C-alpha atoms as a PDB file:
ATOM      1  CA  UNK A   1     -25.272  51.424  22.410  1.00  0.00           C
ATOM      2  CA  UNK A   2     -25.632  51.727  18.626  1.00  0.00           C
ATOM      3  CA  UNK A   3     -28.996  50.553  17.314  1.00  0.00           C
ATOM      4  CA  UNK A   4     -28.659  48.025  14.520  1.00  0.00           C
ATOM      5  CA  UNK A   5     -32.118  46.480  14.510  1.00  0.00           C
ATOM      6  CA  UNK A   6     -32.267  43.387  12.309  1.00  0.00           C
ATOM      7  CA  UNK A   7     -28.575  42.524  12.585  1.00  0.00           C
ATOM      8  CA  UNK A   8     -28.617  39.005  14.102  1.00  0.00           C
ATOM      9  CA  UNK A   9     -24.944  39.213  15.090  1.00  0.00           C
ATOM     10  CA  UNK A  10     -24.483  42.707  16.578  1.00  0.00           C
ATOM     11  CA  UNK A  11     -26.630  42.381  19.719  1.00  0.00           C
ATOM     12  CA  UNK A  12     -25.317  38.901  20.558  1.00  0.00           C
ATOM     13  CA  UNK A  13     -21.709  40.019  20.121  1.00  0.00           C
ATOM     14  CA  UNK A  14     -22.422  43.102  22.220  1.00  0.00           C
ATOM     15  CA  UNK A  15     -23.890  41.048  25.030  1.00  0.00           C
ATOM     16  CA  UNK A  16     -20.695  38.988  25.305  1.00  0.00           C
ATOM     17  CA  UNK A  17     -18.790  42.235  25.774  1.00  0.00           C
ATOM     18  CA  UNK A  18     -21.293  43.318  28.449  1.00  0.00           C
ATOM     19  CA  UNK A  19     -20.987  39.952  30.192  1.00  0.00           C
ATOM     20  CA  UNK A  20     -17.239  40.507  30.523  1.00  0.00           C
ATOM     21  CA  UNK A  21     -18.012  43.615  32.577  1.00  0.00           C
ATOM     22  CA  UNK A  22     -19.983  41.739  35.216  1.00  0.00           C
ATOM     23  CA  UNK A  23     -18.280  41.748  38.601  1.00  0.00           C
ATOM     24  CA  UNK A  24     -16.569  38.484  39.613  1.00  0.00           C
ATOM     25  CA  UNK A  25     -17.148  36.928  43.006  1.00  0.00           C
ATOM     26  CA  UNK A  26     -13.855  38.433  44.233  1.00  0.00           C
ATOM     27  CA  UNK A  27     -15.061  41.860  43.196  1.00  0.00           C
ATOM     28  CA  UNK A  28     -18.250  41.438  45.190  1.00  0.00           C
ATOM     29  CA  UNK A  29     -16.244  40.286  48.200  1.00  0.00           C
ATOM     30  CA  UNK A  30     -14.022  43.395  47.930  1.00  0.00           C
ATOM     31  CA  UNK A  31     -17.141  45.593  47.954  1.00  0.00           C
ATOM     32  CA  UNK A  32     -18.352  43.847  51.100  1.00  0.00           C
ATOM     33  CA  UNK A  33     -15.308  45.323  52.852  1.00  0.00           C
ATOM     34  CA  UNK A  34     -16.514  48.893  52.162  1.00  0.00           C
ATOM     35  CA  UNK A  35     -16.362  51.044  55.283  1.00  0.00           C
ATOM     36  CA  UNK A  36     -19.740  52.662  54.621  1.00  0.00           C
ATOM     37  CA  UNK A  37     -22.181  53.374  51.786  1.00  0.00           C
ATOM     38  CA  UNK A  38     -20.124  56.312  50.578  1.00  0.00           C
ATOM     39  CA  UNK A  39     -17.111  54.057  50.205  1.00  0.00           C
ATOM     40  CA  UNK A  40     -19.284  51.410  48.523  1.00  0.00           C
ATOM     41  CA  UNK A  41     -20.600  53.907  45.954  1.00  0.00           C
ATOM     42  CA  UNK A  42     -17.117  55.295  45.327  1.00  0.00           C
ATOM     43  CA  UNK A  43     -15.800  51.811  44.557  1.00  0.00           C
ATOM     44  CA  UNK A  44     -18.566  51.334  41.982  1.00  0.00           C
ATOM     45  CA  UNK A  45     -18.072  54.647  40.175  1.00  0.00           C
ATOM     46  CA  UNK A  46     -15.736  53.112  37.585  1.00  0.00           C
ATOM     47  CA  UNK A  47     -18.245  50.389  36.687  1.00  0.00           C
ATOM     48  CA  UNK A  48     -21.233  50.535  34.340  1.00  0.00           C
ATOM     49  CA  UNK A  49     -23.308  51.707  37.310  1.00  0.00           C
ATOM     50  CA  UNK A  50     -21.238  54.893  37.677  1.00  0.00           C
ATOM     51  CA  UNK A  51     -23.503  57.251  35.692  1.00  0.00           C
ATOM     52  CA  UNK A  52     -26.584  56.134  37.669  1.00  0.00           C
ATOM     53  CA  UNK A  53     -24.879  56.343  41.073  1.00  0.00           C
ATOM     54  CA  UNK A  54     -23.648  59.828  40.162  1.00  0.00           C
ATOM     55  CA  UNK A  55     -27.250  61.114  40.381  1.00  0.00           C
ATOM     56  CA  UNK A  56     -27.491  60.225  44.091  1.00  0.00           C
ATOM     57  CA  UNK A  57     -27.263  62.824  46.816  1.00  0.00           C
ATOM     58  CA  UNK A  58     -25.490  62.287  50.149  1.00  0.00           C
ATOM     59  CA  UNK A  59     -26.172  60.914  52.646  1.00  0.00           C
ATOM     60  CA  UNK A  60     -26.757  57.715  50.717  1.00  0.00           C
ATOM     61  CA  UNK A  61     -29.342  55.130  51.685  1.00  0.00           C
ATOM     62  CA  UNK A  62     -29.388  51.457  50.664  1.00  0.00           C
ATOM     63  CA  UNK A  63     -32.815  51.962  49.044  1.00  0.00           C
ATOM     64  CA  UNK A  64     -31.648  54.821  46.830  1.00  0.00           C
ATOM     65  CA  UNK A  65     -28.477  52.918  45.934  1.00  0.00           C
ATOM     66  CA  UNK A  66     -30.618  49.924  44.934  1.00  0.00           C
ATOM     67  CA  UNK A  67     -32.757  52.178  42.710  1.00  0.00           C
ATOM     68  CA  UNK A  68     -29.649  53.518  40.968  1.00  0.00           C
ATOM     69  CA  UNK A  69     -28.268  50.018  40.443  1.00  0.00           C
ATOM     70  CA  UNK A  70     -31.595  48.849  39.077  1.00  0.00           C
ATOM     71  CA  UNK A  71     -31.567  51.735  36.632  1.00  0.00           C
ATOM     72  CA  UNK A  72     -28.353  50.291  35.253  1.00  0.00           C
ATOM     73  CA  UNK A  73     -30.134  46.962  34.674  1.00  0.00           C
ATOM     74  CA  UNK A  74     -33.242  48.568  33.167  1.00  0.00           C
ATOM     75  CA  UNK A  75     -31.159  50.780  30.862  1.00  0.00           C
ATOM     76  CA  UNK A  76     -29.225  47.865  29.403  1.00  0.00           C
ATOM     77  CA  UNK A  77     -32.382  45.748  29.108  1.00  0.00           C
ATOM     78  CA  UNK A  78     -34.083  48.536  27.146  1.00  0.00           C
ATOM     79  CA  UNK A  79     -31.102  48.988  24.826  1.00  0.00           C
ATOM     80  CA  UNK A  80     -31.039  45.263  24.081  1.00  0.00           C
ATOM     81  CA  UNK A  81     -34.761  45.393  23.215  1.00  0.00           C
ATOM     82  CA  UNK A  82     -33.938  48.131  20.728  1.00  0.00           C
ATOM     83  CA  UNK A  83     -31.053  46.169  19.228  1.00  0.00           C
ATOM     84  CA  UNK A  84     -32.220  42.553  19.261  1.00  0.00           C
ATOM     85  CA  UNK A  85     -33.048  40.815  16.001  1.00  0.00           C
ATOM     86  CA  UNK A  86     -36.099  39.191  17.641  1.00  0.00           C
ATOM     87  CA  UNK A  87     -37.050  41.454  20.568  1.00  0.00           C
ATOM     88  CA  UNK A  88     -40.531  40.117  21.468  1.00  0.00           C
ATOM     89  CA  UNK A  89     -39.474  38.014  24.434  1.00  0.00           C
ATOM     90  CA  UNK A  90     -37.111  40.716  25.755  1.00  0.00           C
ATOM     91  CA  UNK A  91     -39.974  43.230  25.438  1.00  0.00           C
ATOM     92  CA  UNK A  92     -42.306  40.979  27.373  1.00  0.00           C
ATOM     93  CA  UNK A  93     -39.713  40.509  30.119  1.00  0.00           C
ATOM     94  CA  UNK A  94     -39.196  44.287  30.299  1.00  0.00           C
ATOM     95  CA  UNK A  95     -42.867  44.810  31.203  1.00  0.00           C
ATOM     96  CA  UNK A  96     -42.263  43.279  34.656  1.00  0.00           C
ATOM     97  CA  UNK A  97     -40.636  46.532  35.729  1.00  0.00           C
ATOM     98  CA  UNK A  98     -43.722  48.472  34.659  1.00  0.00           C
ATOM     99  CA  UNK A  99     -46.159  46.028  36.244  1.00  0.00           C
ATOM    100  CA  UNK A 100     -44.300  46.206  39.536  1.00  0.00           C
ATOM    101  CA  UNK A 101     -44.821  49.960  39.510  1.00  0.00           C
ATOM    102  CA  UNK A 102     -48.471  49.656  38.505  1.00  0.00           C
ATOM    103  CA  UNK A 103     -49.101  47.255  41.376  1.00  0.00           C
ATOM    104  CA  UNK A 104     -47.394  49.588  43.842  1.00  0.00           C
ATOM    105  CA  UNK A 105     -49.192  52.729  42.609  1.00  0.00           C
ATOM    106  CA  UNK A 106     -52.598  51.020  42.561  1.00  0.00           C
ATOM    107  CA  UNK A 107     -52.218  49.604  46.053  1.00  0.00           C
ATOM    108  CA  UNK A 108     -50.790  52.875  47.398  1.00  0.00           C
ATOM    109  CA  UNK A 109     -53.627  54.905  45.896  1.00  0.00           C
ATOM    110  CA  UNK A 110     -56.183  52.496  47.355  1.00  0.00           C
ATOM    111  CA  UNK A 111     -54.563  52.964  50.761  1.00  0.00           C
ATOM    112  CA  UNK A 112     -54.682  56.726  50.391  1.00  0.00           C
ATOM    113  CA  UNK A 113     -50.908  57.270  50.517  1.00  0.00           C
ATOM    114  CA  UNK A 114     -49.610  60.711  49.558  1.00  0.00           C
ATOM    115  CA  UNK A 115     -47.889  61.370  46.217  1.00  0.00           C
ATOM    116  CA  UNK A 116     -44.453  61.824  47.799  1.00  0.00           C
ATOM    117  CA  UNK A 117     -44.798  58.652  49.838  1.00  0.00           C
ATOM    118  CA  UNK A 118     -45.647  56.600  46.739  1.00  0.00           C
ATOM    119  CA  UNK A 119     -42.661  57.987  44.816  1.00  0.00           C
ATOM    120  CA  UNK A 120     -40.360  56.712  47.558  1.00  0.00           C
ATOM    121  CA  UNK A 121     -41.566  53.174  46.819  1.00  0.00           C
ATOM    122  CA  UNK A 122     -41.067  53.190  43.056  1.00  0.00           C
ATOM    123  CA  UNK A 123     -38.805  54.446  40.287  1.00  0.00           C
ATOM    124  CA  UNK A 124     -40.473  55.477  37.029  1.00  0.00           C
ATOM    125  CA  UNK A 125     -37.297  55.061  34.968  1.00  0.00           C
ATOM    126  CA  UNK A 126     -38.739  52.107  32.958  1.00  0.00           C
ATOM    127  CA  UNK A 127     -41.751  54.257  32.096  1.00  0.00           C
ATOM    128  CA  UNK A 128     -39.433  57.107  31.127  1.00  0.00           C
ATOM    129  CA  UNK A 129     -37.601  54.880  28.649  1.00  0.00           C
ATOM    130  CA  UNK A 130     -40.938  53.718  27.199  1.00  0.00           C
ATOM    131  CA  UNK A 131     -42.268  57.266  26.912  1.00  0.00           C
ATOM    132  CA  UNK A 132     -45.129  56.751  29.398  1.00  0.00           C
ATOM    133  CA  UNK A 133     -43.643  58.398  32.503  1.00  0.00           C
ATOM    134  CA  UNK A 134     -46.086  61.312  32.349  1.00  0.00           C
ATOM    135  CA  UNK A 135     -48.955  58.831  32.131  1.00  0.00           C
ATOM    136  CA  UNK A 136     -47.742  57.049  35.260  1.00  0.00           C
ATOM    137  CA  UNK A 137     -47.319  60.369  37.096  1.00  0.00           C
ATOM    138  CA  UNK A 138     -50.838  61.461  36.195  1.00  0.00           C
ATOM    139  CA  UNK A 139     -52.170  58.063  37.307  1.00  0.00           C
ATOM    140  CA  UNK A 140     -50.288  58.500  40.561  1.00  0.00           C
ATOM    141  CA  UNK A 141     -52.108  61.773  41.265  1.00  0.00           C
ATOM    142  CA  UNK A 142     -55.515  60.804  39.791  1.00  0.00           C
ATOM    143  CA  UNK A 143     -58.462  61.781  41.999  1.00  0.00           C
ATOM    144  CA  UNK A 144     -59.901  58.248  41.946  1.00  0.00           C
ATOM    145  CA  UNK A 145     -59.327  54.806  40.409  1.00  0.00           C
ATOM    146  CA  UNK A 146     -61.570  55.652  37.464  1.00  0.00           C
ATOM    147  CA  UNK A 147     -59.247  58.502  36.518  1.00  0.00           C
ATOM    148  CA  UNK A 148     -56.296  56.226  37.270  1.00  0.00           C
ATOM    149  CA  UNK A 149     -57.562  53.782  34.641  1.00  0.00           C
ATOM    150  CA  UNK A 150     -58.223  56.491  32.038  1.00  0.00           C
ATOM    151  CA  UNK A 151     -54.581  57.517  32.115  1.00  0.00           C
ATOM    152  CA  UNK A 152     -53.597  54.103  30.742  1.00  0.00           C
ATOM    153  CA  UNK A 153     -56.131  54.067  27.882  1.00  0.00           C
ATOM    154  CA  UNK A 154     -53.548  54.801  25.216  1.00  0.00           C
ATOM    155  CA  UNK A 155     -50.897  52.424  26.587  1.00  0.00           C
ATOM    156  CA  UNK A 156     -50.290  48.680  25.986  1.00  0.00           C
ATOM    157  CA  UNK A 157     -51.044  48.118  29.699  1.00  0.00           C
ATOM    158  CA  UNK A 158     -54.643  49.288  29.602  1.00  0.00           C
ATOM    159  CA  UNK A 159     -56.374  45.890  29.542  1.00  0.00           C
ATOM    160  CA  UNK A 160     -54.420  44.515  32.512  1.00  0.00           C
ATOM    161  CA  UNK A 161     -54.810  47.751  34.498  1.00  0.00           C
ATOM    162  CA  UNK A 162     -58.558  47.690  33.760  1.00  0.00           C
ATOM    163  CA  UNK A 163     -58.875  44.143  35.114  1.00  0.00           C
ATOM    164  CA  UNK A 164     -56.837  45.055  38.205  1.00  0.00           C
ATOM    165  CA  UNK A 165     -59.047  48.091  38.930  1.00  0.00           C
ATOM    166  CA  UNK A 166     -62.211  46.039  38.430  1.00  0.00           C
ATOM    167  CA  UNK A 167     -60.903  43.355  40.792  1.00  0.00           C
ATOM    168  CA  UNK A 168     -60.127  45.975  43.430  1.00  0.00           C
ATOM    169  CA  UNK A 169     -63.481  47.721  43.067  1.00  0.00           C
ATOM    170  CA  UNK A 170     -65.377  44.415  43.334  1.00  0.00           C
ATOM    171  CA  UNK A 171     -63.329  42.588  45.968  1.00  0.00           C
ATOM    172  CA  UNK A 172     -61.081  45.081  47.781  1.00  0.00           C
ATOM    173  CA  UNK A 173     -58.449  42.348  47.868  1.00  0.00           C
ATOM    174  CA  UNK A 174     -54.792  43.180  47.221  1.00  0.00           C
ATOM    175  CA  UNK A 175     -53.907  39.532  46.710  1.00  0.00           C
ATOM    176  CA  UNK A 176     -56.413  39.318  43.859  1.00  0.00           C
ATOM    177  CA  UNK A 177     -54.942  42.477  42.295  1.00  0.00           C
ATOM    178  CA  UNK A 178     -51.448  40.928  42.438  1.00  0.00           C
ATOM    179  CA  UNK A 179     -52.744  37.698  40.900  1.00  0.00           C
ATOM    180  CA  UNK A 180     -54.563  39.331  37.974  1.00  0.00           C
ATOM    181  CA  UNK A 181     -51.535  41.446  37.045  1.00  0.00           C
ATOM    182  CA  UNK A 182     -49.222  38.422  37.354  1.00  0.00           C
ATOM    183  CA  UNK A 183     -51.566  36.450  35.108  1.00  0.00           C
ATOM    184  CA  UNK A 184     -51.444  39.204  32.458  1.00  0.00           C
ATOM    185  CA  UNK A 185     -47.671  39.274  32.564  1.00  0.00           C
ATOM    186  CA  UNK A 186     -47.390  35.474  32.274  1.00  0.00           C
ATOM    187  CA  UNK A 187     -49.754  35.349  29.301  1.00  0.00           C
ATOM    188  CA  UNK A 188     -47.852  38.085  27.484  1.00  0.00           C
ATOM    189  CA  UNK A 189     -44.628  36.224  28.109  1.00  0.00           C
ATOM    190  CA  UNK A 190     -46.102  32.933  26.869  1.00  0.00           C
ATOM    191  CA  UNK A 191     -47.340  34.535  23.625  1.00  0.00           C
ATOM    192  CA  UNK A 192     -43.897  36.017  22.974  1.00  0.00           C
ATOM    193  CA  UNK A 193     -42.296  32.663  23.719  1.00  0.00           C
ATOM    194  CA  UNK A 194     -44.568  30.846  21.277  1.00  0.00           C
ATOM    195  CA  UNK A 195     -43.628  33.299  18.542  1.00  0.00           C
ATOM    196  CA  UNK A 196     -39.954  32.413  18.936  1.00  0.00           C
ATOM    197  CA  UNK A 197     -38.570  30.151  16.150  1.00  0.00           C
ATOM    198  CA  UNK A 198     -38.956  26.474  17.044  1.00  0.00           C
ATOM    199  CA  UNK A 199     -35.254  25.666  17.370  1.00  0.00           C
ATOM    200  CA  UNK A 200     -34.650  28.575  19.734  1.00  0.00           C
ATOM    201  CA  UNK A 201     -37.880  27.946  21.589  1.00  0.00           C
ATOM    202  CA  UNK A 202     -36.593  24.517  22.559  1.00  0.00           C
ATOM    203  CA  UNK A 203     -33.398  26.080  23.958  1.00  0.00           C
ATOM    204  CA  UNK A 204     -35.473  28.603  25.917  1.00  0.00           C
ATOM    205  CA  UNK A 205     -37.833  26.001  27.381  1.00  0.00           C
ATOM    206  CA  UNK A 206     -35.961  25.648  30.670  1.00  0.00           C
ATOM    207  CA  UNK A 207     -35.928  29.387  31.273  1.00  0.00           C
ATOM    208  CA  UNK A 208     -39.594  29.738  30.378  1.00  0.00           C
ATOM    209  CA  UNK A 209     -40.585  26.965  32.773  1.00  0.00           C
ATOM    210  CA  UNK A 210     -39.045  29.131  35.485  1.00  0.00           C
ATOM    211  CA  UNK A 211     -40.724  32.305  34.248  1.00  0.00           C
ATOM    212  CA  UNK A 212     -44.146  30.900  33.377  1.00  0.00           C
ATOM    213  CA  UNK A 213     -44.852  27.577  35.063  1.00  0.00           C
ATOM    214  CA  UNK A 214     -43.330  28.385  38.443  1.00  0.00           C
ATOM    215  CA  UNK A 215     -45.066  31.781  38.482  1.00  0.00           C
ATOM    216  CA  UNK A 216     -48.365  30.047  37.746  1.00  0.00           C
ATOM    217  CA  UNK A 217     -47.687  27.611  40.612  1.00  0.00           C
ATOM    218  CA  UNK A 218     -46.935  30.557  42.883  1.00  0.00           C
ATOM    219  CA  UNK A 219     -50.247  32.191  41.976  1.00  0.00           C
ATOM    220  CA  UNK A 220     -52.122  28.999  42.847  1.00  0.00           C
ATOM    221  CA  UNK A 221     -50.331  28.450  46.182  1.00  0.00           C
ATOM    222  CA  UNK A 222     -50.478  32.106  47.211  1.00  0.00           C
ATOM    223  CA  UNK A 223     -54.161  32.209  46.387  1.00  0.00           C
ATOM    224  CA  UNK A 224     -54.804  29.260  48.691  1.00  0.00           C
ATOM    225  CA  UNK A 225     -52.773  30.821  51.476  1.00  0.00           C
ATOM    226  CA  UNK A 226     -54.626  34.104  50.999  1.00  0.00           C
ATOM    227  CA  UNK A 227     -57.937  32.302  51.308  1.00  0.00           C
ATOM    228  CA  UNK A 228     -59.233  32.899  47.776  1.00  0.00           C
ATOM    229  CA  UNK A 229     -62.028  30.471  46.927  1.00  0.00           C
ATOM    230  CA  UNK A 230     -61.196  28.003  44.123  1.00  0.00           C
ATOM    231  CA  UNK A 231     -63.720  29.417  41.647  1.00  0.00           C
ATOM    232  CA  UNK A 232     -62.179  32.882  42.015  1.00  0.00           C
ATOM    233  CA  UNK A 233     -58.625  31.644  42.082  1.00  0.00           C
ATOM    234  CA  UNK A 234     -59.031  29.797  38.790  1.00  0.00           C
ATOM    235  CA  UNK A 235     -59.753  33.143  37.127  1.00  0.00           C
ATOM    236  CA  UNK A 236     -56.192  34.193  37.882  1.00  0.00           C
ATOM    237  CA  UNK A 237     -54.445  31.141  36.439  1.00  0.00           C
ATOM    238  CA  UNK A 238     -52.941  31.409  32.920  1.00  0.00           C
ATOM    239  CA  UNK A 239     -54.650  29.297  30.290  1.00  0.00           C
ATOM    240  CA  UNK A 240     -51.364  27.944  28.901  1.00  0.00           C
ATOM    241  CA  UNK A 241     -48.015  27.023  30.412  1.00  0.00           C
ATOM    242  CA  UNK A 242     -44.893  25.241  29.181  1.00  0.00           C
ATOM    243  CA  UNK A 243     -44.806  21.958  31.105  1.00  0.00           C
ATOM    244  CA  UNK A 244     -47.320  22.133  33.954  1.00  0.00           C
ATOM    245  CA  UNK A 245     -50.811  21.309  32.577  1.00  0.00           C
ATOM    246  CA  UNK A 246     -53.605  23.775  33.362  1.00  0.00           C
ATOM    247  CA  UNK A 247     -55.618  20.789  34.618  1.00  0.00           C
ATOM    248  CA  UNK A 248     -53.010  20.173  37.315  1.00  0.00           C
ATOM    249  CA  UNK A 249     -53.217  23.831  38.390  1.00  0.00           C
ATOM    250  CA  UNK A 250     -57.014  23.499  38.671  1.00  0.00           C
ATOM    251  CA  UNK A 251     -56.643  20.397  40.824  1.00  0.00           C
ATOM    252  CA  UNK A 252     -54.069  22.223  42.960  1.00  0.00           C
ATOM    253  CA  UNK A 253     -56.499  25.007  43.896  1.00  0.00           C
ATOM    254  CA  UNK A 254     -59.297  22.558  44.699  1.00  0.00           C
ATOM    255  CA  UNK A 255     -57.523  19.678  46.437  1.00  0.00           C
ATOM    256  CA  UNK A 256     -57.297  19.257  50.188  1.00  0.00           C
ATOM    257  CA  UNK A 257     -53.982  17.419  49.718  1.00  0.00           C
ATOM    258  CA  UNK A 258     -51.615  19.984  48.182  1.00  0.00           C
ATOM    259  CA  UNK A 259     -48.539  17.840  48.704  1.00  0.00           C
ATOM    260  CA  UNK A 260     -50.080  14.967  46.758  1.00  0.00           C
ATOM    261  CA  UNK A 261     -50.847  17.272  43.831  1.00  0.00           C
ATOM    262  CA  UNK A 262     -47.346  18.770  43.884  1.00  0.00           C
ATOM    263  CA  UNK A 263     -45.910  15.227  43.750  1.00  0.00           C
ATOM    264  CA  UNK A 264     -47.499  14.985  40.256  1.00  0.00           C
ATOM    265  CA  UNK A 265     -45.389  17.830  38.854  1.00  0.00           C
ATOM    266  CA  UNK A 266     -43.297  16.925  35.799  1.00  0.00           C
ATOM    267  CA  UNK A 267     -40.071  14.975  36.326  1.00  0.00           C
ATOM    268  CA  UNK A 268     -37.922  18.034  35.798  1.00  0.00           C
ATOM    269  CA  UNK A 269     -35.134  18.905  38.277  1.00  0.00           C
ATOM    270  CA  UNK A 270     -36.628  22.387  38.527  1.00  0.00           C
ATOM    271  CA  UNK A 271     -39.628  20.963  40.370  1.00  0.00           C
ATOM    272  CA  UNK A 272     -37.696  18.638  42.713  1.00  0.00           C
ATOM    273  CA  UNK A 273     -37.406  21.060  45.650  1.00  0.00           C
ATOM    274  CA  UNK A 274     -41.078  22.000  45.343  1.00  0.00           C
ATOM    275  CA  UNK A 275     -42.173  18.336  45.288  1.00  0.00           C
ATOM    276  CA  UNK A 276     -40.020  17.660  48.358  1.00  0.00           C
ATOM    277  CA  UNK A 277     -41.315  20.614  50.414  1.00  0.00           C
ATOM    278  CA  UNK A 278     -43.302  19.262  53.388  1.00  0.00           C
ATOM    279  CA  UNK A 279     -44.685  22.593  54.625  1.00  0.00           C
ATOM    280  CA  UNK A 280     -47.254  24.037  52.206  1.00  0.00           C
ATOM    281  CA  UNK A 281     -46.699  27.483  53.684  1.00  0.00           C
ATOM    282  CA  UNK A 282     -43.073  27.286  52.529  1.00  0.00           C
ATOM    283  CA  UNK A 283     -43.819  26.226  48.952  1.00  0.00           C
ATOM    284  CA  UNK A 284     -43.901  29.796  47.636  1.00  0.00           C
ATOM    285  CA  UNK A 285     -40.494  30.467  49.198  1.00  0.00           C
ATOM    286  CA  UNK A 286     -39.210  27.242  47.623  1.00  0.00           C
ATOM    287  CA  UNK A 287     -40.545  28.424  44.246  1.00  0.00           C
ATOM    288  CA  UNK A 288     -38.881  31.853  44.594  1.00  0.00           C
ATOM    289  CA  UNK A 289     -35.532  30.339  45.581  1.00  0.00           C
ATOM    290  CA  UNK A 290     -35.744  27.812  42.734  1.00  0.00           C
ATOM    291  CA  UNK A 291     -36.414  30.561  40.194  1.00  0.00           C
ATOM    292  CA  UNK A 292     -33.488  32.664  41.414  1.00  0.00           C
ATOM    293  CA  UNK A 293     -30.931  29.832  41.548  1.00  0.00           C
ATOM    294  CA  UNK A 294     -31.920  27.936  38.393  1.00  0.00           C
ATOM    295  CA  UNK A 295     -32.287  31.128  36.359  1.00  0.00           C
ATOM    296  CA  UNK A 296     -28.670  32.119  37.121  1.00  0.00           C
ATOM    297  CA  UNK A 297     -27.457  28.564  36.475  1.00  0.00           C
ATOM    298  CA  UNK A 298     -29.254  28.420  33.111  1.00  0.00           C
ATOM    299  CA  UNK A 299     -28.020  31.868  32.134  1.00  0.00           C
ATOM    300  CA  UNK A 300     -24.429  31.106  32.975  1.00  0.00           C
ATOM    301  CA  UNK A 301     -24.425  27.789  31.121  1.00  0.00           C
ATOM    302  CA  UNK A 302     -26.156  29.196  28.037  1.00  0.00           C
ATOM    303  CA  UNK A 303     -23.092  31.234  27.077  1.00  0.00           C
ATOM    304  CA  UNK A 304     -20.992  28.121  26.501  1.00  0.00           C
ATOM    305  CA  UNK A 305     -23.653  25.446  25.870  1.00  0.00           C
ATOM    306  CA  UNK A 306     -25.555  27.498  23.249  1.00  0.00           C
ATOM    307  CA  UNK A 307     -23.135  30.278  22.279  1.00  0.00           C
ATOM    308  CA  UNK A 308     -23.979  33.213  20.031  1.00  0.00           C
ATOM    309  CA  UNK A 309     -27.731  32.723  20.093  1.00  0.00           C
ATOM    310  CA  UNK A 310     -30.441  35.334  20.577  1.00  0.00           C
ATOM    311  CA  UNK A 311     -31.317  33.671  23.888  1.00  0.00           C
ATOM    312  CA  UNK A 312     -27.944  34.845  25.246  1.00  0.00           C
ATOM    313  CA  UNK A 313     -29.495  38.331  25.490  1.00  0.00           C
ATOM    314  CA  UNK A 314     -32.041  37.012  27.962  1.00  0.00           C
ATOM    315  CA  UNK A 315     -29.334  35.040  29.756  1.00  0.00           C
ATOM    316  CA  UNK A 316     -27.310  38.208  30.212  1.00  0.00           C
ATOM    317  CA  UNK A 317     -30.309  40.062  31.674  1.00  0.00           C
ATOM    318  CA  UNK A 318     -30.682  37.271  34.237  1.00  0.00           C
ATOM    319  CA  UNK A 319     -26.992  37.544  35.188  1.00  0.00           C
ATOM    320  CA  UNK A 320     -27.190  41.325  35.375  1.00  0.00           C
ATOM    321  CA  UNK A 321     -30.275  41.071  37.538  1.00  0.00           C
ATOM    322  CA  UNK A 322     -28.467  38.707  39.905  1.00  0.00           C
ATOM    323  CA  UNK A 323     -25.564  41.143  40.111  1.00  0.00           C
ATOM    324  CA  UNK A 324     -27.899  44.006  41.003  1.00  0.00           C
ATOM    325  CA  UNK A 325     -29.538  41.832  43.667  1.00  0.00           C
ATOM    326  CA  UNK A 326     -26.121  40.953  45.118  1.00  0.00           C
ATOM    327  CA  UNK A 327     -24.924  44.562  45.152  1.00  0.00           C
ATOM    328  CA  UNK A 328     -28.171  45.701  46.757  1.00  0.00           C
ATOM    329  CA  UNK A 329     -27.779  43.020  49.420  1.00  0.00           C
ATOM    330  CA  UNK A 330     -24.266  44.210  50.186  1.00  0.00           C
ATOM    331  CA  UNK A 331     -25.461  47.832  50.385  1.00  0.00           C
ATOM    332  CA  UNK A 332     -28.202  46.850  52.826  1.00  0.00           C
ATOM    333  CA  UNK A 333     -25.750  45.004  55.105  1.00  0.00           C
ATOM    334  CA  UNK A 334     -23.350  47.927  55.062  1.00  0.00           C
ATOM    335  CA  UNK A 335     -26.171  50.328  55.987  1.00  0.00           C
ATOM    336  CA  UNK A 336     -27.088  48.023  58.879  1.00  0.00           C
ATOM    337  CA  UNK A 337     -23.500  48.019  60.101  1.00  0.00           C
ATOM    338  CA  UNK A 338     -22.797  44.339  59.376  1.00  0.00           C
ATOM    339  CA  UNK A 339     -19.020  44.009  58.994  1.00  0.00           C
ATOM    340  CA  UNK A 340     -18.698  40.210  58.952  1.00  0.00           C
ATOM    341  CA  UNK A 341     -17.941  39.546  55.276  1.00  0.00           C
ATOM    342  CA  UNK A 342     -18.683  35.808  55.681  1.00  0.00           C
ATOM    343  CA  UNK A 343     -22.268  36.709  56.689  1.00  0.00           C
ATOM    344  CA  UNK A 344     -22.649  38.985  53.673  1.00  0.00           C
ATOM    345  CA  UNK A 345     -21.189  36.396  51.274  1.00  0.00           C
ATOM    346  CA  UNK A 346     -23.597  33.728  52.551  1.00  0.00           C
ATOM    347  CA  UNK A 347     -26.510  35.879  51.374  1.00  0.00           C
ATOM    348  CA  UNK A 348     -25.240  36.388  47.839  1.00  0.00           C
ATOM    349  CA  UNK A 349     -26.338  34.395  44.793  1.00  0.00           C
ATOM    350  CA  UNK A 350     -23.066  33.558  43.056  1.00  0.00           C
ATOM    351  CA  UNK A 351     -22.668  31.887  39.674  1.00  0.00           C
END
């Protein structure tokens, strides 16, 4: 992809071309008829995923296929960051790939897993594109968490990694580590969102409620389920959100009546399923399903409701992410020997 930073038209025009390459529902159904993973990979060789699947060695596994597909997503996301006229929000969204790896490495190191075992759980391709792959590899093999932290000193992720290491050293609680990293990601995303021009910020509001507010709600609910005490849990909540007031989040972590607090969420359709959920233990699942479904719906609609806007770049990333998730689901079913296409289709998130 040619880099034309500053051209407000090029990246948006390019993303419409990329959107036309997304697989239709019929294409996904055809892939579900693949005889095995080798057949599945062969059918995808002519798509944008071809160069990434070409690096795989037989016999294929669903996990390795998913990694290759995800590389296709990460690669396009990174190129759009390089090309976008206003890349701040795309950059912030890109960090989620890195933070996932940091979480996994930190937890794996704390558990004493071997280097090779950790590498099976992650793919350092995002770090490679950002020029910090060697840093992540050194952190992966660091003799202790102090050395692990030092490796990130010269990276933009140092402050969040430092907090995560401190939390682990003080509490030995993986749930707290997850929460502090999620908080850092949300706050970075919110800052990037607030720097977006006002007219575009209004158009992005729905998507950012999904990314920021629902993630904040998930932190609060997960923290309760994990047994974190309210005073500690409040440390992990972002100071600012889009529609859900911080005060309501504070009440949520303290109240004995979670359902009553959730009923006070804003009158936005996004929150309707969460307000209606009767089982508190299922609220996080309801949040995750809401994020996935509404994100794809928003992304799909943005291309014709708000055409040729910078936000279409983010919309495309959401659609590409959904495609990767669908393809990975199909690969997993094929590996497990599921041949009933109706069962596979029922698990896909279609636009």
